[in-house]
Amino acid sequence: MDAQPLQQPDDRVGGPNGEKWLILNEGEKYAYIVGFLEGMYQGHCFTTWGLPGTELNDPAYVNATKSYTEHWNRYVVGIKYQDFLDGLNKLYADVRNRKIKIKNGMYIVMAEHSEPKGVNMESLIDAWRRKAAGET
């Protein structure tokens, strides 16, 4: 393991992408998916811990919790771990998508399962391709 201290993630630099995803075995892929989703909850906790007041009726707490709950229910509820695995495998099977970061691939899978029918997923994926191309 790298002995460097952890730092705040920088969205503009690096991060595992589809190239990395394709070399992971199935167990490692599931570990990534579970860690990502558990990390979303931990991020929610970090957001709400220590807010002014932190009472259940405190507006800052209520708004942060409401936002998290609405997005969790929209993008995650009803999706199985297997759906994420299959969705990412399908996404990265297309060589054009391999520079897309895995965390953004997770969002693409969530969107595929949550957006209303008729939403042009190809244009969403193309936007992530353009973003990934600008990151390299």
C-alpha atoms as a PDB file:
ATOM      1  CA  MET A   1       0.000   0.000   0.000  1.00  0.00           C
ATOM      2  CA  ASP A   2       1.027   3.566  -0.619  1.00  0.00           C
ATOM      3  CA  ALA A   3       2.334   5.225   2.558  1.00  0.00           C
ATOM      4  CA  GLN A   4       1.234   8.716   1.466  1.00  0.00           C
ATOM      5  CA  PRO A   5      -1.278  10.446   3.753  1.00  0.00           C
ATOM      6  CA  LEU A   6      -4.799  10.739   2.415  1.00  0.00           C
ATOM      7  CA  GLN A   7      -5.838  14.092   1.037  1.00  0.00           C
ATOM      8  CA  GLN A   8      -9.091  15.677  -0.048  1.00  0.00           C
ATOM      9  CA  PRO A   9     -10.032  14.080  -3.404  1.00  0.00           C
ATOM     10  CA  ASP A  10      -9.518  16.419  -6.348  1.00  0.00           C
ATOM     11  CA  ASP A  11     -12.214  15.872  -8.953  1.00  0.00           C
ATOM     12  CA  ARG A  12     -10.037  17.470 -11.610  1.00  0.00           C
ATOM     13  CA  VAL A  13      -7.235  14.933 -11.390  1.00  0.00           C
ATOM     14  CA  GLY A  14      -6.911  11.188 -11.738  1.00  0.00           C
ATOM     15  CA  GLY A  15      -9.147   8.583 -10.248  1.00  0.00           C
ATOM     16  CA  PRO A  16      -9.886   5.097 -11.485  1.00  0.00           C
ATOM     17  CA  ASN A  17     -11.665   4.870 -14.822  1.00  0.00           C
ATOM     18  CA  GLY A  18     -12.975   2.161 -17.120  1.00  0.00           C
ATOM     19  CA  GLU A  19      -9.457   0.941 -17.888  1.00  0.00           C
ATOM     20  CA  LYS A  20      -9.030   0.133 -14.189  1.00  0.00           C
ATOM     21  CA  TRP A  21     -12.537  -1.361 -13.948  1.00  0.00           C
ATOM     22  CA  LEU A  22     -11.777  -3.859 -16.687  1.00  0.00           C
ATOM     23  CA  ILE A  23      -8.760  -5.322 -14.859  1.00  0.00           C
ATOM     24  CA  LEU A  24     -10.649  -5.850 -11.582  1.00  0.00           C
ATOM     25  CA  ASN A  25     -12.013  -9.282 -10.782  1.00  0.00           C
ATOM     26  CA  GLU A  26     -15.678  -9.684  -9.861  1.00  0.00           C
ATOM     27  CA  GLY A  27     -15.056  -9.546  -6.096  1.00  0.00           C
ATOM     28  CA  GLU A  28     -13.047  -6.345  -6.440  1.00  0.00           C
ATOM     29  CA  LYS A  29     -15.793  -4.817  -8.569  1.00  0.00           C
ATOM     30  CA  TYR A  30     -18.409  -5.636  -5.923  1.00  0.00           C
ATOM     31  CA  ALA A  31     -16.119  -4.195  -3.234  1.00  0.00           C
ATOM     32  CA  TYR A  32     -15.875  -0.956  -5.221  1.00  0.00           C
ATOM     33  CA  ILE A  33     -19.662  -0.753  -5.646  1.00  0.00           C
ATOM     34  CA  VAL A  34     -20.396  -1.455  -1.979  1.00  0.00           C
ATOM     35  CA  GLY A  35     -17.692   0.982  -0.855  1.00  0.00           C
ATOM     36  CA  PHE A  36     -19.016   3.686  -3.151  1.00  0.00           C
ATOM     37  CA  LEU A  37     -22.572   3.337  -1.880  1.00  0.00           C
ATOM     38  CA  GLU A  38     -21.493   3.077   1.764  1.00  0.00           C
ATOM     39  CA  GLY A  39     -19.319   6.149   1.169  1.00  0.00           C
ATOM     40  CA  MET A  40     -22.350   8.072  -0.047  1.00  0.00           C
ATOM     41  CA  TYR A  41     -24.006   7.462   3.318  1.00  0.00           C
ATOM     42  CA  GLN A  42     -20.836   8.357   5.220  1.00  0.00           C
ATOM     43  CA  GLY A  43     -20.607  11.566   3.180  1.00  0.00           C
ATOM     44  CA  HIS A  44     -24.156  12.375   4.243  1.00  0.00           C
ATOM     45  CA  CYS A  45     -23.147  11.853   7.869  1.00  0.00           C
ATOM     46  CA  PHE A  46     -20.093  14.103   7.481  1.00  0.00           C
ATOM     47  CA  THR A  47     -22.366  16.755   5.968  1.00  0.00           C
ATOM     48  CA  THR A  48     -24.842  16.742   8.845  1.00  0.00           C
ATOM     49  CA  TRP A  49     -22.540  16.150  11.829  1.00  0.00           C
ATOM     50  CA  GLY A  50     -21.882  19.345  13.682  1.00  0.00           C
ATOM     51  CA  LEU A  51     -24.319  21.519  11.803  1.00  0.00           C
ATOM     52  CA  PRO A  52     -25.508  24.505  13.827  1.00  0.00           C
ATOM     53  CA  GLY A  53     -28.020  23.202  16.291  1.00  0.00           C
ATOM     54  CA  THR A  54     -28.049  19.680  14.812  1.00  0.00           C
ATOM     55  CA  GLU A  55     -31.541  19.267  16.183  1.00  0.00           C
ATOM     56  CA  LEU A  56     -33.964  17.366  14.020  1.00  0.00           C
ATOM     57  CA  ASN A  57     -35.901  20.580  13.329  1.00  0.00           C
ATOM     58  CA  ASP A  58     -32.805  22.690  12.525  1.00  0.00           C
ATOM     59  CA  PRO A  59     -33.225  24.053   8.950  1.00  0.00           C
ATOM     60  CA  ALA A  60     -29.651  23.209   7.895  1.00  0.00           C
ATOM     61  CA  TYR A  61     -30.032  19.627   9.120  1.00  0.00           C
ATOM     62  CA  VAL A  62     -33.501  19.269   7.616  1.00  0.00           C
ATOM     63  CA  ASN A  63     -32.355  20.550   4.205  1.00  0.00           C
ATOM     64  CA  ALA A  64     -29.218  18.385   4.093  1.00  0.00           C
ATOM     65  CA  THR A  65     -31.140  15.281   5.133  1.00  0.00           C
ATOM     66  CA  LYS A  66     -33.995  16.021   2.733  1.00  0.00           C
ATOM     67  CA  SER A  67     -31.590  16.448  -0.194  1.00  0.00           C
ATOM     68  CA  TYR A  68     -29.733  13.230   0.607  1.00  0.00           C
ATOM     69  CA  THR A  69     -32.931  11.245   1.065  1.00  0.00           C
ATOM     70  CA  GLU A  70     -34.511  12.546  -2.148  1.00  0.00           C
ATOM     71  CA  HIS A  71     -31.412  11.757  -4.219  1.00  0.00           C
ATOM     72  CA  TRP A  72     -30.874   8.364  -2.556  1.00  0.00           C
ATOM     73  CA  ASN A  73     -34.491   7.419  -3.231  1.00  0.00           C
ATOM     74  CA  ARG A  74     -34.312   8.645  -6.821  1.00  0.00           C
ATOM     75  CA  TYR A  75     -30.952   7.222  -7.838  1.00  0.00           C
ATOM     76  CA  VAL A  76     -30.231   4.201  -5.624  1.00  0.00           C
ATOM     77  CA  VAL A  77     -33.379   2.632  -4.170  1.00  0.00           C
ATOM     78  CA  GLY A  78     -34.430  -0.354  -6.233  1.00  0.00           C
ATOM     79  CA  ILE A  79     -31.064  -0.877  -7.920  1.00  0.00           C
ATOM     80  CA  LYS A  80     -29.275  -4.093  -7.011  1.00  0.00           C
ATOM     81  CA  TYR A  81     -25.512  -4.470  -6.662  1.00  0.00           C
ATOM     82  CA  GLN A  82     -25.724  -6.773  -9.682  1.00  0.00           C
ATOM     83  CA  ASP A  83     -27.345  -3.943 -11.672  1.00  0.00           C
ATOM     84  CA  PHE A  84     -24.340  -1.725 -10.938  1.00  0.00           C
ATOM     85  CA  LEU A  85     -21.925  -4.514 -11.888  1.00  0.00           C
ATOM     86  CA  ASP A  86     -23.754  -5.252 -15.134  1.00  0.00           C
ATOM     87  CA  GLY A  87     -24.219  -1.568 -15.948  1.00  0.00           C
ATOM     88  CA  LEU A  88     -20.537  -0.708 -15.466  1.00  0.00           C
ATOM     89  CA  ASN A  89     -19.415  -3.786 -17.397  1.00  0.00           C
ATOM     90  CA  LYS A  90     -21.701  -2.751 -20.265  1.00  0.00           C
ATOM     91  CA  LEU A  91     -20.571   0.896 -20.103  1.00  0.00           C
ATOM     92  CA  TYR A  92     -16.877   0.030 -20.227  1.00  0.00           C
ATOM     93  CA  ALA A  93     -17.292  -2.656 -22.880  1.00  0.00           C
ATOM     94  CA  ASP A  94     -17.488   0.313 -25.271  1.00  0.00           C
ATOM     95  CA  VAL A  95     -13.914   1.495 -25.734  1.00  0.00           C
ATOM     96  CA  ARG A  96     -15.146   5.093 -26.115  1.00  0.00           C
ATOM     97  CA  ASN A  97     -16.236   5.074 -22.461  1.00  0.00           C
ATOM     98  CA  ARG A  98     -13.075   3.777 -20.826  1.00  0.00           C
ATOM     99  CA  LYS A  99     -11.715   7.177 -19.812  1.00  0.00           C
ATOM    100  CA  ILE A 100     -14.892   7.942 -17.842  1.00  0.00           C
ATOM    101  CA  LYS A 101     -14.131   7.752 -14.115  1.00  0.00           C
ATOM    102  CA  ILE A 102     -15.800   4.881 -12.301  1.00  0.00           C
ATOM    103  CA  LYS A 103     -17.577   7.257  -9.897  1.00  0.00           C
ATOM    104  CA  ASN A 104     -19.131   8.956 -12.937  1.00  0.00           C
ATOM    105  CA  GLY A 105     -19.945   5.559 -14.391  1.00  0.00           C
ATOM    106  CA  MET A 106     -21.838   4.812 -11.179  1.00  0.00           C
ATOM    107  CA  TYR A 107     -23.922   7.939 -11.797  1.00  0.00           C
ATOM    108  CA  ILE A 108     -24.580   6.836 -15.389  1.00  0.00           C
ATOM    109  CA  VAL A 109     -25.869   3.476 -14.135  1.00  0.00           C
ATOM    110  CA  MET A 110     -28.042   5.252 -11.556  1.00  0.00           C
ATOM    111  CA  ALA A 111     -29.424   7.559 -14.251  1.00  0.00           C
ATOM    112  CA  GLU A 112     -30.184   4.624 -16.550  1.00  0.00           C
ATOM    113  CA  HIS A 113     -32.324   3.122 -13.799  1.00  0.00           C
ATOM    114  CA  SER A 114     -33.960   6.320 -12.571  1.00  0.00           C
ATOM    115  CA  GLU A 115     -34.473   8.708 -15.475  1.00  0.00           C
ATOM    116  CA  PRO A 116     -37.849   8.664 -17.197  1.00  0.00           C
ATOM    117  CA  LYS A 117     -38.090   6.609 -20.339  1.00  0.00           C
ATOM    118  CA  GLY A 118     -37.227   8.670 -23.383  1.00  0.00           C
ATOM    119  CA  VAL A 119     -34.258  10.424 -21.760  1.00  0.00           C
ATOM    120  CA  ASN A 120     -31.388  10.261 -24.207  1.00  0.00           C
ATOM    121  CA  MET A 121     -28.786   8.267 -22.285  1.00  0.00           C
ATOM    122  CA  GLU A 122     -26.402   8.385 -25.237  1.00  0.00           C
ATOM    123  CA  SER A 123     -26.183  12.171 -24.967  1.00  0.00           C
ATOM    124  CA  LEU A 124     -25.569  11.875 -21.202  1.00  0.00           C
ATOM    125  CA  ILE A 125     -22.792   9.344 -21.784  1.00  0.00           C
ATOM    126  CA  ASP A 126     -21.340  11.492 -24.549  1.00  0.00           C
ATOM    127  CA  ALA A 127     -21.164  14.446 -22.131  1.00  0.00           C
ATOM    128  CA  TRP A 128     -19.200  12.281 -19.680  1.00  0.00           C
ATOM    129  CA  ARG A 129     -16.890  11.202 -22.537  1.00  0.00           C
ATOM    130  CA  ARG A 130     -16.176  14.870 -23.331  1.00  0.00           C
ATOM    131  CA  LYS A 131     -15.545  15.623 -19.651  1.00  0.00           C
ATOM    132  CA  ALA A 132     -13.180  12.632 -19.389  1.00  0.00           C
ATOM    133  CA  ALA A 133     -11.318  13.718 -22.538  1.00  0.00           C
ATOM    134  CA  GLY A 134     -10.711  17.125 -20.951  1.00  0.00           C
ATOM    135  CA  GLU A 135      -9.303  15.520 -17.810  1.00  0.00           C
ATOM    136  CA  THR A 136      -6.448  13.648 -19.455  1.00  0.00           C
END
